[in-house]
PDB file of all heavy atoms in Angstrom:
ATOM      1  N   PRO A   1      -6.045  12.130 -25.442  1.00  0.00           N
ATOM      2  CA  PRO A   1      -6.465  12.736 -26.711  1.00  0.00           C
ATOM      3  C   PRO A   1      -5.295  13.182 -27.581  1.00  0.00           C
ATOM      4  O   PRO A   1      -5.501  13.863 -28.585  1.00  0.00           O
ATOM      5  CB  PRO A   1      -7.285  13.951 -26.244  1.00  0.00           C
ATOM      6  CG  PRO A   1      -6.624  14.362 -24.977  1.00  0.00           C
ATOM      7  CD  PRO A   1      -6.164  13.088 -24.319  1.00  0.00           C
ATOM      8  N   GLN A   2      -4.089  12.826 -27.195  1.00  0.00           N
ATOM      9  CA  GLN A   2      -2.887  13.236 -27.930  1.00  0.00           C
ATOM     10  C   GLN A   2      -1.872  12.105 -27.899  1.00  0.00           C
ATOM     11  O   GLN A   2      -2.003  11.159 -27.125  1.00  0.00           O
ATOM     12  CB  GLN A   2      -2.312  14.516 -27.330  1.00  0.00           C
ATOM     13  CG  GLN A   2      -2.248  14.561 -25.814  1.00  0.00           C
ATOM     14  CD  GLN A   2      -1.267  13.599 -25.195  1.00  0.00           C
ATOM     15  OE1 GLN A   2      -0.158  13.471 -25.696  1.00  0.00           O
ATOM     16  NE2 GLN A   2      -1.645  12.926 -24.145  1.00  0.00           N
ATOM     17  N   GLY A   3      -0.873  12.215 -28.766  1.00  0.00           N
ATOM     18  CA  GLY A   3       0.002  11.075 -28.998  1.00  0.00           C
ATOM     19  C   GLY A   3       1.324  11.086 -28.266  1.00  0.00           C
ATOM     20  O   GLY A   3       2.346  10.724 -28.860  1.00  0.00           O
ATOM     21  N   ASP A   4       1.344  11.478 -26.994  1.00  0.00           N
ATOM     22  CA  ASP A   4       2.616  11.362 -26.279  1.00  0.00           C
ATOM     23  C   ASP A   4       2.934   9.879 -26.084  1.00  0.00           C
ATOM     24  O   ASP A   4       2.042   9.074 -25.803  1.00  0.00           O
ATOM     25  CB  ASP A   4       2.569  12.096 -24.930  1.00  0.00           C
ATOM     26  CG  ASP A   4       1.796  11.347 -23.870  1.00  0.00           C
ATOM     27  OD1 ASP A   4       0.585  11.141 -24.067  1.00  0.00           O
ATOM     28  OD2 ASP A   4       2.388  10.960 -22.849  1.00  0.00           O
ATOM     29  N   PRO A   5       4.197   9.494 -26.233  1.00  0.00           N
ATOM     30  CA  PRO A   5       4.557   8.068 -26.175  1.00  0.00           C
ATOM     31  C   PRO A   5       4.643   7.590 -24.734  1.00  0.00           C
ATOM     32  O   PRO A   5       5.702   7.244 -24.223  1.00  0.00           O
ATOM     33  CB  PRO A   5       5.924   8.030 -26.866  1.00  0.00           C
ATOM     34  CG  PRO A   5       6.507   9.367 -26.537  1.00  0.00           C
ATOM     35  CD  PRO A   5       5.362  10.344 -26.525  1.00  0.00           C
ATOM     36  N   SER A   6       3.526   7.558 -24.067  1.00  0.00           N
ATOM     37  CA  SER A   6       3.487   7.254 -22.637  1.00  0.00           C
ATOM     38  C   SER A   6       4.143   5.914 -22.329  1.00  0.00           C
ATOM     39  O   SER A   6       3.875   4.906 -22.990  1.00  0.00           O
ATOM     40  CB  SER A   6       2.035   7.240 -22.156  1.00  0.00           C
ATOM     41  OG  SER A   6       1.951   6.866 -20.807  1.00  0.00           O
ATOM     42  N   SER A   7       4.995   5.912 -21.309  1.00  0.00           N
ATOM     43  CA  SER A   7       5.586   4.644 -20.872  1.00  0.00           C
ATOM     44  C   SER A   7       4.525   3.712 -20.313  1.00  0.00           C
ATOM     45  O   SER A   7       4.762   2.504 -20.177  1.00  0.00           O
ATOM     46  CB  SER A   7       6.669   4.897 -19.824  1.00  0.00           C
ATOM     47  OG  SER A   7       6.132   5.530 -18.678  1.00  0.00           O
ATOM     48  N   THR A   8       3.352   4.267 -19.994  1.00  0.00           N
ATOM     49  CA  THR A   8       2.250   3.441 -19.495  1.00  0.00           C
ATOM     50  C   THR A   8       1.916   2.313 -20.466  1.00  0.00           C
ATOM     51  O   THR A   8       1.575   1.207 -20.042  1.00  0.00           O
ATOM     52  CB  THR A   8       1.004   4.307 -19.249  1.00  0.00           C
ATOM     53  OG1 THR A   8       1.299   5.254 -18.223  1.00  0.00           O
ATOM     54  CG2 THR A   8      -0.182   3.461 -18.825  1.00  0.00           C
ATOM     55  N   TYR A   9       2.014   2.573 -21.756  1.00  0.00           N
ATOM     56  CA  TYR A   9       1.612   1.562 -22.734  1.00  0.00           C
ATOM     57  C   TYR A   9       2.382   0.250 -22.567  1.00  0.00           C
ATOM     58  O   TYR A   9       1.784  -0.801 -22.314  1.00  0.00           O
ATOM     59  CB  TYR A   9       1.774   2.095 -24.164  1.00  0.00           C
ATOM     60  CG  TYR A   9       0.942   3.314 -24.498  1.00  0.00           C
ATOM     61  CD1 TYR A   9       1.405   4.259 -25.397  1.00  0.00           C
ATOM     62  CD2 TYR A   9      -0.313   3.524 -23.934  1.00  0.00           C
ATOM     63  CE1 TYR A   9       0.643   5.385 -25.730  1.00  0.00           C
ATOM     64  CE2 TYR A   9      -1.070   4.640 -24.257  1.00  0.00           C
ATOM     65  CZ  TYR A   9      -0.585   5.571 -25.152  1.00  0.00           C
ATOM     66  OH  TYR A   9      -1.332   6.672 -25.478  1.00  0.00           O
ATOM     67  N   PRO A  10       3.716   0.245 -22.720  1.00  0.00           N
ATOM     68  CA  PRO A  10       4.432  -1.024 -22.540  1.00  0.00           C
ATOM     69  C   PRO A  10       4.437  -1.513 -21.097  1.00  0.00           C
ATOM     70  O   PRO A  10       4.541  -2.721 -20.848  1.00  0.00           O
ATOM     71  CB  PRO A  10       5.846  -0.717 -23.029  1.00  0.00           C
ATOM     72  CG  PRO A  10       5.988   0.745 -22.908  1.00  0.00           C
ATOM     73  CD  PRO A  10       4.631   1.320 -23.165  1.00  0.00           C
ATOM     74  N   GLU A  11       4.299  -0.598 -20.135  1.00  0.00           N
ATOM     75  CA  GLU A  11       4.336  -1.016 -18.733  1.00  0.00           C
ATOM     76  C   GLU A  11       3.103  -1.825 -18.355  1.00  0.00           C
ATOM     77  O   GLU A  11       3.209  -2.854 -17.671  1.00  0.00           O
ATOM     78  CB  GLU A  11       4.489   0.216 -17.834  1.00  0.00           C
ATOM     79  CG  GLU A  11       5.890   0.803 -17.907  1.00  0.00           C
ATOM     80  CD  GLU A  11       6.014   2.193 -17.328  1.00  0.00           C
ATOM     81  OE1 GLU A  11       4.986   2.765 -16.901  1.00  0.00           O
ATOM     82  OE2 GLU A  11       7.141   2.726 -17.310  1.00  0.00           O
ATOM     83  N   VAL A  12       1.933  -1.404 -18.795  1.00  0.00           N
ATOM     84  CA  VAL A  12       0.748  -2.206 -18.477  1.00  0.00           C
ATOM     85  C   VAL A  12       0.753  -3.504 -19.274  1.00  0.00           C
ATOM     86  O   VAL A  12       0.312  -4.552 -18.785  1.00  0.00           O
ATOM     87  CB  VAL A  12      -0.562  -1.413 -18.693  1.00  0.00           C
ATOM     88  CG1 VAL A  12      -0.596  -0.177 -17.827  1.00  0.00           C
ATOM     89  CG2 VAL A  12      -0.806  -1.061 -20.145  1.00  0.00           C
ATOM     90  N   MET A  13       1.272  -3.448 -20.493  1.00  0.00           N
ATOM     91  CA  MET A  13       1.369  -4.667 -21.286  1.00  0.00           C
ATOM     92  C   MET A  13       2.286  -5.686 -20.620  1.00  0.00           C
ATOM     93  O   MET A  13       2.044  -6.900 -20.697  1.00  0.00           O
ATOM     94  CB  MET A  13       1.868  -4.343 -22.693  1.00  0.00           C
ATOM     95  CG  MET A  13       0.863  -3.617 -23.561  1.00  0.00           C
ATOM     96  SD  MET A  13       1.502  -3.313 -25.239  1.00  0.00           S
ATOM     97  CE  MET A  13       0.100  -2.478 -25.983  1.00  0.00           C
ATOM     98  N   ALA A  14       3.338  -5.203 -19.946  1.00  0.00           N
ATOM     99  CA  ALA A  14       4.243  -6.113 -19.240  1.00  0.00           C
ATOM    100  C   ALA A  14       3.530  -6.895 -18.154  1.00  0.00           C
ATOM    101  O   ALA A  14       4.001  -7.956 -17.728  1.00  0.00           O
ATOM    102  CB  ALA A  14       5.400  -5.323 -18.635  1.00  0.00           C
ATOM    103  N   CYS A  15       2.398  -6.402 -17.708  1.00  0.00           N
ATOM    104  CA  CYS A  15       1.614  -7.065 -16.659  1.00  0.00           C
ATOM    105  C   CYS A  15       0.470  -7.892 -17.239  1.00  0.00           C
ATOM    106  O   CYS A  15      -0.427  -8.330 -16.501  1.00  0.00           O
ATOM    107  CB  CYS A  15       1.073  -6.023 -15.690  1.00  0.00           C
ATOM    108  SG  CYS A  15       2.360  -5.030 -14.908  1.00  0.00           S
ATOM    109  N   GLY A  16       0.493  -8.093 -18.546  1.00  0.00           N
ATOM    110  CA  GLY A  16      -0.565  -8.879 -19.184  1.00  0.00           C
ATOM    111  C   GLY A  16      -1.860  -8.122 -19.320  1.00  0.00           C
ATOM    112  O   GLY A  16      -2.938  -8.725 -19.287  1.00  0.00           O
ATOM    113  N   VAL A  17      -1.771  -6.809 -19.500  1.00  0.00           N
ATOM    114  CA  VAL A  17      -2.959  -5.968 -19.623  1.00  0.00           C
ATOM    115  C   VAL A  17      -2.949  -5.283 -20.984  1.00  0.00           C
ATOM    116  O   VAL A  17      -2.118  -4.410 -21.235  1.00  0.00           O
ATOM    117  CB  VAL A  17      -3.013  -4.912 -18.503  1.00  0.00           C
ATOM    118  CG1 VAL A  17      -4.294  -4.084 -18.624  1.00  0.00           C
ATOM    119  CG2 VAL A  17      -2.931  -5.569 -17.126  1.00  0.00           C
ATOM    120  N   PRO A  18      -3.861  -5.649 -21.882  1.00  0.00           N
ATOM    121  CA  PRO A  18      -3.974  -4.935 -23.153  1.00  0.00           C
ATOM    122  C   PRO A  18      -4.663  -3.582 -22.948  1.00  0.00           C
ATOM    123  O   PRO A  18      -5.114  -3.265 -21.842  1.00  0.00           O
ATOM    124  CB  PRO A  18      -4.814  -5.874 -24.016  1.00  0.00           C
ATOM    125  CG  PRO A  18      -5.613  -6.666 -23.041  1.00  0.00           C
ATOM    126  CD  PRO A  18      -4.787  -6.782 -21.787  1.00  0.00           C
ATOM    127  N   ILE A  19      -4.756  -2.792 -24.011  1.00  0.00           N
ATOM    128  CA  ILE A  19      -5.218  -1.409 -23.908  1.00  0.00           C
ATOM    129  C   ILE A  19      -6.345  -1.151 -24.899  1.00  0.00           C
ATOM    130  O   ILE A  19      -6.260  -1.541 -26.066  1.00  0.00           O
ATOM    131  CB  ILE A  19      -4.068  -0.432 -24.189  1.00  0.00           C
ATOM    132  CG1 ILE A  19      -2.906  -0.674 -23.223  1.00  0.00           C
ATOM    133  CG2 ILE A  19      -4.540   1.017 -24.101  1.00  0.00           C
ATOM    134  CD1 ILE A  19      -1.636   0.078 -23.601  1.00  0.00           C
ATOM    135  N   ALA A  20      -7.364  -0.446 -24.439  1.00  0.00           N
ATOM    136  CA  ALA A  20      -8.392   0.107 -25.322  1.00  0.00           C
ATOM    137  C   ALA A  20      -8.407   1.606 -25.103  1.00  0.00           C
ATOM    138  O   ALA A  20      -8.491   2.068 -23.960  1.00  0.00           O
ATOM    139  CB  ALA A  20      -9.762  -0.490 -25.017  1.00  0.00           C
ATOM    140  N   GLY A  21      -8.306   2.370 -26.179  1.00  0.00           N
ATOM    141  CA  GLY A  21      -8.244   3.810 -25.988  1.00  0.00           C
ATOM    142  C   GLY A  21      -8.401   4.572 -27.281  1.00  0.00           C
ATOM    143  O   GLY A  21      -8.661   4.005 -28.341  1.00  0.00           O
ATOM    144  N   TYR A  22      -8.210   5.876 -27.168  1.00  0.00           N
ATOM    145  CA  TYR A  22      -8.349   6.760 -28.318  1.00  0.00           C
ATOM    146  C   TYR A  22      -7.214   6.547 -29.317  1.00  0.00           C
ATOM    147  O   TYR A  22      -6.089   6.186 -28.939  1.00  0.00           O
ATOM    148  CB  TYR A  22      -8.334   8.213 -27.863  1.00  0.00           C
ATOM    149  CG  TYR A  22      -9.540   8.634 -27.050  1.00  0.00           C
ATOM    150  CD1 TYR A  22      -9.457   9.705 -26.174  1.00  0.00           C
ATOM    151  CD2 TYR A  22     -10.768   7.976 -27.168  1.00  0.00           C
ATOM    152  CE1 TYR A  22     -10.558  10.123 -25.436  1.00  0.00           C
ATOM    153  CE2 TYR A  22     -11.870   8.376 -26.431  1.00  0.00           C
ATOM    154  CZ  TYR A  22     -11.760   9.453 -25.559  1.00  0.00           C
ATOM    155  OH  TYR A  22     -12.842   9.859 -24.832  1.00  0.00           O
ATOM    156  N   ASP A  23      -7.508   6.822 -30.582  1.00  0.00           N
ATOM    157  CA  ASP A  23      -6.573   6.512 -31.662  1.00  0.00           C
ATOM    158  C   ASP A  23      -5.508   7.594 -31.842  1.00  0.00           C
ATOM    159  O   ASP A  23      -5.263   8.056 -32.964  1.00  0.00           O
ATOM    160  CB  ASP A  23      -7.315   6.272 -32.969  1.00  0.00           C
ATOM    161  CG  ASP A  23      -8.131   7.490 -33.421  1.00  0.00           C
ATOM    162  OD1 ASP A  23      -8.269   8.459 -32.625  1.00  0.00           O
ATOM    163  OD2 ASP A  23      -8.637   7.473 -34.555  1.00  0.00           O
ATOM    164  N   ASN A  24      -4.864   7.991 -30.751  1.00  0.00           N
ATOM    165  CA  ASN A  24      -3.736   8.897 -30.915  1.00  0.00           C
ATOM    166  C   ASN A  24      -2.590   8.153 -31.608  1.00  0.00           C
ATOM    167  O   ASN A  24      -2.552   6.920 -31.616  1.00  0.00           O
ATOM    168  CB  ASN A  24      -3.299   9.496 -29.569  1.00  0.00           C
ATOM    169  CG  ASN A  24      -2.713   8.463 -28.631  1.00  0.00           C
ATOM    170  OD1 ASN A  24      -1.634   7.914 -28.871  1.00  0.00           O
ATOM    171  ND2 ASN A  24      -3.410   8.183 -27.536  1.00  0.00           N
ATOM    172  N   GLU A  25      -1.658   8.898 -32.178  1.00  0.00           N
ATOM    173  CA  GLU A  25      -0.646   8.275 -33.021  1.00  0.00           C
ATOM    174  C   GLU A  25       0.308   7.360 -32.247  1.00  0.00           C
ATOM    175  O   GLU A  25       0.816   6.382 -32.795  1.00  0.00           O
ATOM    176  CB  GLU A  25       0.142   9.341 -33.788  1.00  0.00           C
ATOM    177  CG  GLU A  25       0.761  10.431 -32.928  1.00  0.00           C
ATOM    178  CD  GLU A  25       1.450  11.505 -33.770  1.00  0.00           C
ATOM    179  OE1 GLU A  25       1.617  11.300 -34.980  1.00  0.00           O
ATOM    180  OE2 GLU A  25       1.827  12.547 -33.195  1.00  0.00           O
ATOM    181  N   ALA A  26       0.524   7.632 -30.965  1.00  0.00           N
ATOM    182  CA  ALA A  26       1.408   6.767 -30.184  1.00  0.00           C
ATOM    183  C   ALA A  26       0.746   5.432 -29.877  1.00  0.00           C
ATOM    184  O   ALA A  26       1.372   4.373 -29.993  1.00  0.00           O
ATOM    185  CB  ALA A  26       1.812   7.466 -28.891  1.00  0.00           C
ATOM    186  N   LEU A  27      -0.523   5.478 -29.464  1.00  0.00           N
ATOM    187  CA  LEU A  27      -1.223   4.229 -29.173  1.00  0.00           C
ATOM    188  C   LEU A  27      -1.388   3.396 -30.438  1.00  0.00           C
ATOM    189  O   LEU A  27      -1.196   2.174 -30.420  1.00  0.00           O
ATOM    190  CB  LEU A  27      -2.580   4.503 -28.534  1.00  0.00           C
ATOM    191  CG  LEU A  27      -3.386   3.251 -28.166  1.00  0.00           C
ATOM    192  CD1 LEU A  27      -2.616   2.357 -27.208  1.00  0.00           C
ATOM    193  CD2 LEU A  27      -4.740   3.627 -27.559  1.00  0.00           C
ATOM    194  N   GLU A  28      -1.737   4.042 -31.544  1.00  0.00           N
ATOM    195  CA  GLU A  28      -1.871   3.295 -32.797  1.00  0.00           C
ATOM    196  C   GLU A  28      -0.546   2.633 -33.174  1.00  0.00           C
ATOM    197  O   GLU A  28      -0.527   1.495 -33.659  1.00  0.00           O
ATOM    198  CB  GLU A  28      -2.320   4.236 -33.915  1.00  0.00           C
ATOM    199  CG  GLU A  28      -3.790   4.599 -33.852  1.00  0.00           C
ATOM    200  CD  GLU A  28      -4.273   5.254 -35.130  1.00  0.00           C
ATOM    201  OE1 GLU A  28      -3.595   6.179 -35.613  1.00  0.00           O
ATOM    202  OE2 GLU A  28      -5.327   4.849 -35.652  1.00  0.00           O
ATOM    203  N   GLY A  29       0.564   3.330 -32.934  1.00  0.00           N
ATOM    204  CA  GLY A  29       1.865   2.769 -33.274  1.00  0.00           C
ATOM    205  C   GLY A  29       2.209   1.548 -32.453  1.00  0.00           C
ATOM    206  O   GLY A  29       2.664   0.538 -32.995  1.00  0.00           O
ATOM    207  N   ILE A  30       1.978   1.612 -31.151  1.00  0.00           N
ATOM    208  CA  ILE A  30       2.349   0.472 -30.310  1.00  0.00           C
ATOM    209  C   ILE A  30       1.381  -0.692 -30.516  1.00  0.00           C
ATOM    210  O   ILE A  30       1.780  -1.860 -30.424  1.00  0.00           O
ATOM    211  CB  ILE A  30       2.440   0.880 -28.825  1.00  0.00           C
ATOM    212  CG1 ILE A  30       3.267  -0.162 -28.057  1.00  0.00           C
ATOM    213  CG2 ILE A  30       1.076   1.082 -28.190  1.00  0.00           C
ATOM    214  CD1 ILE A  30       3.674   0.285 -26.668  1.00  0.00           C
ATOM    215  N   ILE A  31       0.135  -0.399 -30.849  1.00  0.00           N
ATOM    216  CA  ILE A  31      -0.800  -1.476 -31.174  1.00  0.00           C
ATOM    217  C   ILE A  31      -0.354  -2.185 -32.451  1.00  0.00           C
ATOM    218  O   ILE A  31      -0.421  -3.423 -32.552  1.00  0.00           O
ATOM    219  CB  ILE A  31      -2.236  -0.934 -31.313  1.00  0.00           C
ATOM    220  CG1 ILE A  31      -2.801  -0.563 -29.940  1.00  0.00           C
ATOM    221  CG2 ILE A  31      -3.147  -1.965 -31.983  1.00  0.00           C
ATOM    222  CD1 ILE A  31      -4.170   0.104 -29.994  1.00  0.00           C
ATOM    223  N   ALA A  32       0.126  -1.425 -33.425  1.00  0.00           N
ATOM    224  CA  ALA A  32       0.591  -2.034 -34.673  1.00  0.00           C
ATOM    225  C   ALA A  32       1.759  -2.980 -34.423  1.00  0.00           C
ATOM    226  O   ALA A  32       1.875  -4.021 -35.069  1.00  0.00           O
ATOM    227  CB  ALA A  32       0.994  -0.942 -35.662  1.00  0.00           C
ATOM    228  N   HIS A  33       2.618  -2.637 -33.451  1.00  0.00           N
ATOM    229  CA  HIS A  33       3.777  -3.482 -33.149  1.00  0.00           C
ATOM    230  C   HIS A  33       3.420  -4.655 -32.242  1.00  0.00           C
ATOM    231  O   HIS A  33       4.046  -5.717 -32.336  1.00  0.00           O
ATOM    232  CB  HIS A  33       4.873  -2.646 -32.488  1.00  0.00           C
ATOM    233  CG  HIS A  33       5.683  -1.839 -33.454  1.00  0.00           C
ATOM    234  ND1 HIS A  33       6.933  -2.205 -33.885  1.00  0.00           N
ATOM    235  CD2 HIS A  33       5.401  -0.679 -34.085  1.00  0.00           C
ATOM    236  CE1 HIS A  33       7.394  -1.309 -34.738  1.00  0.00           C
ATOM    237  NE2 HIS A  33       6.493  -0.363 -34.876  1.00  0.00           N
ATOM    238  N   SER A  34       2.447  -4.475 -31.362  1.00  0.00           N
ATOM    239  CA  SER A  34       2.154  -5.493 -30.346  1.00  0.00           C
ATOM    240  C   SER A  34       0.924  -6.333 -30.644  1.00  0.00           C
ATOM    241  O   SER A  34       0.799  -7.448 -30.132  1.00  0.00           O
ATOM    242  CB  SER A  34       1.959  -4.820 -28.986  1.00  0.00           C
ATOM    243  OG  SER A  34       0.771  -4.022 -29.000  1.00  0.00           O
ATOM    244  N   GLN A  35      -0.014  -5.784 -31.431  1.00  0.00           N
ATOM    245  CA  GLN A  35      -1.313  -6.437 -31.647  1.00  0.00           C
ATOM    246  C   GLN A  35      -2.009  -6.703 -30.311  1.00  0.00           C
ATOM    247  O   GLN A  35      -2.650  -7.728 -30.125  1.00  0.00           O
ATOM    248  CB  GLN A  35      -1.131  -7.743 -32.436  1.00  0.00           C
ATOM    249  CG  GLN A  35      -0.508  -7.556 -33.812  1.00  0.00           C
ATOM    250  CD  GLN A  35      -1.350  -6.673 -34.710  1.00  0.00           C
ATOM    251  OE1 GLN A  35      -2.529  -6.939 -34.940  1.00  0.00           O
ATOM    252  NE2 GLN A  35      -0.766  -5.597 -35.221  1.00  0.00           N
ATOM    253  N   ALA A  36      -1.868  -5.757 -29.383  1.00  0.00           N
ATOM    254  CA  ALA A  36      -2.394  -5.961 -28.026  1.00  0.00           C
ATOM    255  C   ALA A  36      -3.255  -4.786 -27.583  1.00  0.00           C
ATOM    256  O   ALA A  36      -3.169  -4.328 -26.448  1.00  0.00           O
ATOM    257  CB  ALA A  36      -1.243  -6.164 -27.040  1.00  0.00           C
ATOM    258  N   GLY A  37      -4.092  -4.301 -28.493  1.00  0.00           N
ATOM    259  CA  GLY A  37      -4.964  -3.201 -28.103  1.00  0.00           C
ATOM    260  C   GLY A  37      -5.969  -2.863 -29.181  1.00  0.00           C
ATOM    261  O   GLY A  37      -5.973  -3.458 -30.268  1.00  0.00           O
ATOM    262  N   TRP A  38      -6.811  -1.890 -28.852  1.00  0.00           N
ATOM    263  CA  TRP A  38      -7.883  -1.461 -29.741  1.00  0.00           C
ATOM    264  C   TRP A  38      -7.965   0.053 -29.675  1.00  0.00           C
ATOM    265  O   TRP A  38      -8.036   0.631 -28.582  1.00  0.00           O
ATOM    266  CB  TRP A  38      -9.212  -2.079 -29.318  1.00  0.00           C
ATOM    267  CG  TRP A  38      -9.172  -3.574 -29.279  1.00  0.00           C
ATOM    268  CD1 TRP A  38      -9.552  -4.439 -30.264  1.00  0.00           C
ATOM    269  CD2 TRP A  38      -8.724  -4.394 -28.187  1.00  0.00           C
ATOM    270  NE1 TRP A  38      -9.353  -5.737 -29.865  1.00  0.00           N
ATOM    271  CE2 TRP A  38      -8.859  -5.742 -28.594  1.00  0.00           C
ATOM    272  CE3 TRP A  38      -8.220  -4.120 -26.917  1.00  0.00           C
ATOM    273  CZ2 TRP A  38      -8.503  -6.806 -27.772  1.00  0.00           C
ATOM    274  CZ3 TRP A  38      -7.863  -5.178 -26.093  1.00  0.00           C
ATOM    275  CH2 TRP A  38      -8.012  -6.498 -26.520  1.00  0.00           C
ATOM    276  N   ALA A  39      -7.950   0.712 -30.841  1.00  0.00           N
ATOM    277  CA  ALA A  39      -8.002   2.167 -30.897  1.00  0.00           C
ATOM    278  C   ALA A  39      -9.318   2.616 -31.515  1.00  0.00           C
ATOM    279  O   ALA A  39      -9.770   2.055 -32.526  1.00  0.00           O
ATOM    280  CB  ALA A  39      -6.827   2.709 -31.706  1.00  0.00           C
TER     281      ALA A  39
END
């Protein structure tokens, strides 16, 4: 529910796993750069 820049985001992506989650500012930012998730 908050925008900490969790290392989990790029780490799961490295394994071919996209992300669906809440629209915190960190997730929205990495989705904008990767196009690999849904907020």
